[in-house]
């Protein structure tokens, strides 16, 4: 049996340039290219869509998690980018978590597992 490996996610939006710029600034400041944003081998494709609204009405339905080795460094990068923190950074039994949102209201988390 074959288990497919996730390679990318398509993020539909009414404002692709603004969202692409936000993701570059917050999560991939060294990325300079056009098209999909490489997030450590996982591609983020941001595309103009006419079948979505300007904001995600159910952002908790799917949360994109980023596993990090240096939580403090990534948290500082995100704060410098001006992210909107939904849940303050907290230590949990399984590790350290921080939840934030992109300009369309999609939820994202950084996680450093113990």
N, C-alpha and C. Protein backbone atom coordinates (compact mmCIF):
# COMPACT_ATOMS: atom_id res chain seq x y z
N UNK A 1 0.83 -1.17 0.00
CA UNK A 1 0.00 0.00 0.00
C UNK A 1 0.88 1.25 0.00
N UNK A 2 0.47 2.27 -0.72
CA UNK A 2 1.23 3.51 -0.84
C UNK A 2 0.61 4.59 0.04
N UNK A 3 1.44 5.31 0.79
CA UNK A 3 0.99 6.45 1.57
C UNK A 3 1.50 7.71 0.88
N UNK A 4 0.61 8.52 0.30
CA UNK A 4 1.06 9.74 -0.37
C UNK A 4 1.67 10.72 0.63
N UNK A 5 2.67 11.44 0.17
CA UNK A 5 3.34 12.44 0.99
C UNK A 5 2.81 13.83 0.63
N UNK A 6 2.31 14.59 1.62
CA UNK A 6 1.85 15.95 1.30
C UNK A 6 3.01 16.78 0.79
N UNK A 7 2.76 17.53 -0.26
CA UNK A 7 3.82 18.35 -0.83
C UNK A 7 3.48 19.82 -0.91
N UNK A 8 2.17 20.13 -0.90
CA UNK A 8 1.77 21.53 -0.99
C UNK A 8 0.35 21.70 -0.49
N UNK A 9 -0.01 22.94 -0.26
CA UNK A 9 -1.37 23.29 0.09
C UNK A 9 -1.75 24.52 -0.74
N UNK A 10 -2.97 24.53 -1.22
CA UNK A 10 -3.49 25.67 -1.98
C UNK A 10 -4.32 26.52 -1.03
N UNK A 11 -3.97 27.77 -0.94
CA UNK A 11 -4.69 28.71 -0.10
C UNK A 11 -5.41 29.69 -1.01
N UNK A 12 -6.73 29.55 -1.09
CA UNK A 12 -7.53 30.43 -1.92
C UNK A 12 -7.84 31.72 -1.19
N UNK A 13 -7.82 32.83 -1.93
CA UNK A 13 -8.03 34.14 -1.33
C UNK A 13 -8.58 35.12 -2.35
N UNK A 14 -9.15 36.19 -1.86
CA UNK A 14 -9.61 37.27 -2.74
C UNK A 14 -8.52 38.30 -2.95
N UNK A 15 -7.41 38.18 -2.23
CA UNK A 15 -6.30 39.14 -2.33
C UNK A 15 -4.95 38.42 -2.29
N UNK A 16 -4.60 37.75 -3.38
CA UNK A 16 -3.41 36.91 -3.38
C UNK A 16 -2.09 37.65 -3.15
N UNK A 17 -1.94 38.82 -3.71
CA UNK A 17 -0.66 39.54 -3.54
C UNK A 17 -0.43 39.92 -2.09
N UNK A 18 -1.47 40.45 -1.44
CA UNK A 18 -1.36 40.84 -0.03
C UNK A 18 -1.04 39.64 0.85
N UNK A 19 -1.74 38.53 0.60
CA UNK A 19 -1.52 37.33 1.40
C UNK A 19 -0.13 36.74 1.15
N UNK A 20 0.29 36.72 -0.11
CA UNK A 20 1.63 36.21 -0.45
C UNK A 20 2.70 37.04 0.25
N UNK A 21 2.54 38.36 0.24
CA UNK A 21 3.51 39.23 0.90
C UNK A 21 3.54 38.97 2.40
N UNK A 22 2.36 38.77 3.01
CA UNK A 22 2.31 38.51 4.44
C UNK A 22 3.03 37.21 4.78
N UNK A 23 2.77 36.14 4.01
CA UNK A 23 3.41 34.86 4.28
C UNK A 23 4.92 34.94 4.09
N UNK A 24 5.34 35.66 3.08
CA UNK A 24 6.79 35.83 2.90
C UNK A 24 7.40 36.53 4.11
N UNK A 25 6.79 37.63 4.53
CA UNK A 25 7.32 38.42 5.64
C UNK A 25 7.31 37.61 6.94
N UNK A 26 6.22 36.92 7.22
CA UNK A 26 6.08 36.22 8.49
C UNK A 26 6.85 34.90 8.56
N UNK A 27 6.83 34.12 7.47
CA UNK A 27 7.34 32.76 7.55
C UNK A 27 8.52 32.45 6.63
N UNK A 28 8.75 33.26 5.63
CA UNK A 28 9.83 32.96 4.69
C UNK A 28 10.51 34.24 4.22
N UNK A 29 11.09 35.01 5.17
CA UNK A 29 11.66 36.31 4.79
C UNK A 29 12.80 36.23 3.78
N UNK A 30 13.46 35.10 3.67
CA UNK A 30 14.54 34.96 2.70
C UNK A 30 14.03 34.62 1.31
N UNK A 31 12.76 34.23 1.20
CA UNK A 31 12.20 33.82 -0.09
C UNK A 31 11.95 35.04 -0.97
N UNK A 32 12.46 35.01 -2.17
CA UNK A 32 12.34 36.15 -3.08
C UNK A 32 11.59 35.82 -4.36
N UNK A 33 11.27 34.56 -4.59
CA UNK A 33 10.68 34.15 -5.86
C UNK A 33 9.19 34.45 -5.97
N UNK A 34 8.67 34.18 -7.12
CA UNK A 34 7.23 34.27 -7.38
C UNK A 34 6.67 32.86 -7.34
N UNK A 35 5.38 32.77 -7.34
CA UNK A 35 4.75 31.45 -7.34
C UNK A 35 4.73 30.85 -5.95
N UNK A 36 4.74 29.51 -5.87
CA UNK A 36 4.66 28.84 -4.57
C UNK A 36 5.80 29.26 -3.63
N UNK A 37 5.47 29.38 -2.36
CA UNK A 37 6.47 29.73 -1.35
C UNK A 37 6.95 28.43 -0.71
N UNK A 38 8.25 28.21 -0.74
CA UNK A 38 8.83 27.00 -0.18
C UNK A 38 8.98 27.18 1.33
N UNK A 39 8.24 26.38 2.07
CA UNK A 39 8.29 26.41 3.53
C UNK A 39 8.98 25.13 4.01
N UNK A 40 10.26 25.07 3.77
CA UNK A 40 11.03 23.91 4.21
C UNK A 40 10.71 22.63 3.47
N UNK A 41 10.46 22.73 2.17
CA UNK A 41 10.14 21.55 1.37
C UNK A 41 8.65 21.32 1.17
N UNK A 42 7.83 22.08 1.86
CA UNK A 42 6.38 22.04 1.71
C UNK A 42 5.98 23.34 1.03
N UNK A 43 5.27 23.24 -0.09
CA UNK A 43 4.96 24.43 -0.88
C UNK A 43 3.60 25.02 -0.50
N UNK A 44 3.60 26.34 -0.36
CA UNK A 44 2.37 27.08 -0.12
C UNK A 44 2.02 27.80 -1.42
N UNK A 45 0.89 27.40 -2.00
CA UNK A 45 0.41 27.99 -3.24
C UNK A 45 -0.73 28.93 -2.87
N UNK A 46 -0.62 30.19 -3.22
CA UNK A 46 -1.65 31.18 -2.92
C UNK A 46 -2.25 31.61 -4.24
N UNK A 47 -3.59 31.49 -4.35
CA UNK A 47 -4.24 31.72 -5.63
C UNK A 47 -5.51 32.54 -5.46
N UNK A 48 -5.76 33.39 -6.44
CA UNK A 48 -7.00 34.16 -6.51
C UNK A 48 -8.16 33.20 -6.72
N UNK A 49 -9.20 33.34 -5.87
CA UNK A 49 -10.38 32.50 -6.01
C UNK A 49 -11.61 33.37 -5.93
N UNK A 50 -12.60 33.05 -6.77
CA UNK A 50 -13.86 33.77 -6.75
C UNK A 50 -14.92 33.05 -5.94
N UNK A 51 -14.59 31.85 -5.44
CA UNK A 51 -15.57 31.06 -4.68
C UNK A 51 -15.33 31.11 -3.17
N UNK A 52 -14.52 32.08 -2.72
CA UNK A 52 -14.29 32.26 -1.29
C UNK A 52 -14.56 33.72 -0.92
N UNK A 53 -14.88 33.94 0.34
CA UNK A 53 -15.09 35.29 0.83
C UNK A 53 -13.76 35.91 1.26
N UNK A 54 -13.79 37.16 1.66
CA UNK A 54 -12.56 37.84 2.05
C UNK A 54 -11.98 37.32 3.37
N UNK A 55 -12.80 36.69 4.21
CA UNK A 55 -12.32 36.14 5.48
C UNK A 55 -12.83 34.72 5.67
N UNK A 56 -12.02 33.90 6.32
CA UNK A 56 -12.37 32.53 6.62
C UNK A 56 -13.38 32.52 7.76
N UNK A 57 -14.58 32.04 7.52
CA UNK A 57 -15.63 32.02 8.53
C UNK A 57 -15.49 30.88 9.53
N UNK A 58 -14.69 29.87 9.22
CA UNK A 58 -14.48 28.73 10.12
C UNK A 58 -12.98 28.41 10.21
N UNK A 59 -12.20 29.34 10.74
CA UNK A 59 -10.74 29.17 10.71
C UNK A 59 -10.21 28.03 11.57
N UNK A 60 -10.99 27.57 12.53
CA UNK A 60 -10.52 26.46 13.36
C UNK A 60 -10.68 25.10 12.72
N UNK A 61 -11.32 25.06 11.55
CA UNK A 61 -11.55 23.79 10.87
C UNK A 61 -10.25 23.10 10.48
N UNK A 62 -9.27 23.87 10.04
CA UNK A 62 -7.96 23.32 9.70
C UNK A 62 -6.90 24.34 10.08
N UNK A 63 -5.94 23.90 10.88
CA UNK A 63 -4.87 24.79 11.34
C UNK A 63 -3.55 24.26 10.78
N UNK A 64 -2.81 25.15 10.14
CA UNK A 64 -1.51 24.78 9.58
C UNK A 64 -0.47 24.91 10.68
N UNK A 65 0.17 23.79 11.03
CA UNK A 65 1.15 23.75 12.11
C UNK A 65 2.56 23.76 11.55
N UNK A 66 3.41 24.54 12.19
CA UNK A 66 4.83 24.60 11.85
C UNK A 66 5.62 24.09 13.05
N UNK A 67 6.33 22.99 12.86
CA UNK A 67 7.15 22.42 13.92
C UNK A 67 8.51 23.12 13.85
N UNK A 68 8.94 23.67 14.97
CA UNK A 68 10.17 24.45 15.00
C UNK A 68 11.14 23.88 16.03
N UNK A 69 12.42 24.13 15.79
CA UNK A 69 13.46 23.70 16.72
C UNK A 69 13.86 24.82 17.68
N UNK A 70 13.67 26.08 17.26
CA UNK A 70 14.01 27.24 18.09
C UNK A 70 12.78 28.14 18.19
N UNK A 71 11.94 27.82 19.14
CA UNK A 71 10.66 28.53 19.29
C UNK A 71 10.88 30.02 19.47
N UNK A 72 11.82 30.39 20.32
CA UNK A 72 12.04 31.81 20.61
C UNK A 72 12.41 32.60 19.36
N UNK A 73 13.25 32.03 18.52
CA UNK A 73 13.67 32.72 17.29
C UNK A 73 12.49 32.90 16.34
N UNK A 74 11.67 31.87 16.18
CA UNK A 74 10.52 31.96 15.28
C UNK A 74 9.48 32.92 15.86
N UNK A 75 9.27 32.86 17.16
CA UNK A 75 8.33 33.78 17.80
C UNK A 75 8.77 35.23 17.59
N UNK A 76 10.05 35.51 17.72
CA UNK A 76 10.57 36.87 17.49
C UNK A 76 10.36 37.30 16.05
N UNK A 77 10.60 36.40 15.12
CA UNK A 77 10.40 36.70 13.69
C UNK A 77 8.93 37.04 13.43
N UNK A 78 8.03 36.27 14.01
CA UNK A 78 6.60 36.50 13.81
C UNK A 78 6.16 37.81 14.47
N UNK A 79 6.67 38.09 15.66
CA UNK A 79 6.33 39.36 16.33
C UNK A 79 6.82 40.55 15.50
N UNK A 80 8.02 40.43 14.95
CA UNK A 80 8.57 41.50 14.10
C UNK A 80 7.71 41.70 12.85
N UNK A 81 7.10 40.62 12.38
CA UNK A 81 6.23 40.71 11.20
C UNK A 81 4.84 41.25 11.56
N UNK A 82 4.57 41.38 12.86
CA UNK A 82 3.30 41.94 13.31
C UNK A 82 2.13 40.98 13.27
N UNK A 83 2.37 39.69 13.50
CA UNK A 83 1.26 38.74 13.45
C UNK A 83 0.25 39.03 14.55
N UNK A 84 -0.98 38.62 14.31
CA UNK A 84 -2.05 38.71 15.29
C UNK A 84 -2.10 37.41 16.07
N UNK A 85 -1.65 37.45 17.32
CA UNK A 85 -1.66 36.25 18.17
C UNK A 85 -3.06 36.02 18.69
N UNK A 86 -3.59 34.85 18.45
CA UNK A 86 -4.93 34.48 18.92
C UNK A 86 -4.88 33.88 20.31
N UNK A 87 -3.86 33.09 20.54
CA UNK A 87 -3.64 32.47 21.83
C UNK A 87 -2.20 32.80 22.22
N UNK A 88 -2.03 33.40 23.38
CA UNK A 88 -0.65 33.71 23.79
C UNK A 88 0.20 32.45 23.82
N UNK A 89 1.47 32.64 23.57
CA UNK A 89 2.41 31.52 23.60
C UNK A 89 2.29 30.86 24.97
N UNK A 90 2.21 29.52 24.94
CA UNK A 90 2.06 28.80 26.20
C UNK A 90 2.80 27.48 26.18
N UNK A 91 3.23 27.08 27.36
CA UNK A 91 3.84 25.77 27.53
C UNK A 91 2.74 24.79 27.91
N UNK A 92 2.74 23.67 27.21
CA UNK A 92 1.79 22.59 27.48
C UNK A 92 2.60 21.34 27.79
N UNK A 93 1.95 20.30 28.29
CA UNK A 93 2.70 19.08 28.62
C UNK A 93 3.50 18.53 27.43
N UNK A 94 2.99 18.70 26.22
CA UNK A 94 3.67 18.13 25.05
C UNK A 94 4.67 19.09 24.40
N UNK A 95 4.67 20.35 24.81
CA UNK A 95 5.60 21.30 24.21
C UNK A 95 5.13 22.73 24.32
N UNK A 96 5.68 23.59 23.49
CA UNK A 96 5.36 25.01 23.48
C UNK A 96 4.57 25.34 22.23
N UNK A 97 3.50 26.13 22.38
CA UNK A 97 2.57 26.42 21.29
C UNK A 97 2.30 27.92 21.21
N UNK A 98 2.07 28.40 20.01
CA UNK A 98 1.60 29.76 19.77
C UNK A 98 0.68 29.75 18.57
N UNK A 99 -0.48 30.36 18.68
CA UNK A 99 -1.47 30.35 17.61
C UNK A 99 -1.70 31.77 17.12
N UNK A 100 -1.68 31.94 15.80
CA UNK A 100 -1.85 33.26 15.19
C UNK A 100 -2.69 33.13 13.93
N UNK A 101 -3.01 34.27 13.32
CA UNK A 101 -3.87 34.26 12.13
C UNK A 101 -3.22 35.07 11.02
N UNK A 102 -3.53 34.67 9.78
CA UNK A 102 -3.08 35.45 8.63
C UNK A 102 -4.15 36.52 8.34
N UNK A 103 -3.92 37.41 7.38
CA UNK A 103 -4.88 38.48 7.10
C UNK A 103 -6.27 38.01 6.67
N UNK A 104 -6.39 36.78 6.16
CA UNK A 104 -7.70 36.24 5.79
C UNK A 104 -8.39 35.55 6.96
N UNK A 105 -7.71 35.47 8.10
CA UNK A 105 -8.29 34.84 9.28
C UNK A 105 -7.98 33.36 9.42
N UNK A 106 -7.13 32.80 8.56
CA UNK A 106 -6.74 31.40 8.69
C UNK A 106 -5.82 31.24 9.89
N UNK A 107 -6.01 30.15 10.65
CA UNK A 107 -5.21 29.91 11.84
C UNK A 107 -3.94 29.14 11.50
N UNK A 108 -2.87 29.52 12.18
CA UNK A 108 -1.58 28.84 12.07
C UNK A 108 -1.01 28.69 13.47
N UNK A 109 -0.13 27.71 13.65
CA UNK A 109 0.53 27.52 14.94
C UNK A 109 2.00 27.23 14.73
N UNK A 110 2.78 27.70 15.69
CA UNK A 110 4.15 27.22 15.78
C UNK A 110 4.20 26.32 17.01
N UNK A 111 4.92 25.22 16.87
CA UNK A 111 4.98 24.21 17.93
C UNK A 111 6.42 23.74 18.07
N UNK A 112 6.89 23.70 19.30
CA UNK A 112 8.15 23.03 19.59
C UNK A 112 7.81 21.92 20.56
N UNK A 113 7.79 20.69 20.06
CA UNK A 113 7.48 19.54 20.90
C UNK A 113 8.65 19.23 21.81
N UNK A 114 8.34 18.65 22.97
CA UNK A 114 9.39 18.24 23.91
C UNK A 114 10.01 16.95 23.44
